[in-house]
Amino acid sequence: MGAKYHEMYGAELRPGSEAARRWSKAVGIDFHEVHIETDAHDPTLLFSDLEVSEVPVG
């Protein structure tokens, strides 16, 4: 069974992330880590570049 959406409780940038540091060293560009908390999942995202856009309803 799936869900149409999850409530997002917050996001936390983790500037001292060891995983981001390892990727930065291995690839040669800056990486960052953010932890996202929702009512159903707890994902961690490692990224080098991120663009956030608002999507209109509908």
Protein backbone atom coordinates (compact mmCIF):
# COMPACT_ATOMS: atom_id res chain seq x y z
CA MET A 1 0.00 0.00 0.00
CA GLY A 2 1.37 3.47 -0.87
CA ALA A 3 0.80 7.01 0.28
CA LYS A 4 0.12 10.17 -1.70
CA TYR A 5 2.35 12.27 0.55
CA HIS A 6 4.29 12.33 3.81
CA GLU A 7 4.33 15.09 6.37
CA MET A 8 7.79 16.64 6.51
CA TYR A 9 8.89 17.57 10.02
CA GLY A 10 12.15 19.23 9.08
CA ALA A 11 15.52 19.09 7.39
CA GLU A 12 18.93 19.47 9.00
CA LEU A 13 22.14 20.28 7.16
CA ARG A 14 25.05 18.32 8.65
CA PRO A 15 28.16 20.41 7.95
CA GLY A 16 30.60 18.05 9.73
CA SER A 17 29.48 14.94 7.85
CA GLU A 18 32.16 12.27 7.53
CA ALA A 19 30.38 10.74 4.51
CA ALA A 20 30.33 14.09 2.70
CA ARG A 21 34.00 14.61 3.52
CA ARG A 22 34.90 11.16 2.06
CA TRP A 23 32.97 11.84 -1.17
CA SER A 24 34.52 15.30 -1.50
CA LYS A 25 38.00 13.80 -1.19
CA ALA A 26 37.27 10.91 -3.57
CA VAL A 27 35.59 12.96 -6.32
CA GLY A 28 37.37 16.28 -5.88
CA ILE A 29 34.32 18.53 -5.47
CA ASP A 30 32.41 19.67 -2.38
CA PHE A 31 29.68 17.36 -1.07
CA HIS A 32 27.07 18.09 1.60
CA GLU A 33 24.74 16.01 3.76
CA VAL A 34 21.18 16.78 4.80
CA HIS A 35 18.90 14.69 7.00
CA ILE A 36 15.18 14.88 6.22
CA GLU A 37 12.57 13.77 8.77
CA THR A 38 9.04 12.82 7.73
CA ASP A 39 6.21 10.94 9.41
CA ALA A 40 7.17 7.73 7.58
CA HIS A 41 10.82 7.94 6.46
CA ASP A 42 14.13 9.27 7.70
CA PRO A 43 16.32 9.72 4.57
CA THR A 44 19.80 11.20 4.45
CA LEU A 45 20.84 12.90 1.21
CA LEU A 46 24.45 13.35 0.08
CA PHE A 47 24.79 15.84 -2.77
CA SER A 48 27.27 18.07 -4.56
CA ASP A 49 24.74 20.49 -6.06
CA LEU A 50 21.06 20.92 -5.26
CA GLU A 51 18.37 23.10 -6.78
CA VAL A 52 15.04 23.40 -4.99
CA SER A 53 11.96 24.63 -6.85
CA GLU A 54 8.40 25.10 -5.70
CA VAL A 55 5.89 23.09 -7.72
CA PRO A 56 2.44 24.64 -8.14
CA VAL A 57 -0.55 22.68 -6.86
CA GLY A 58 -2.33 20.64 -9.51
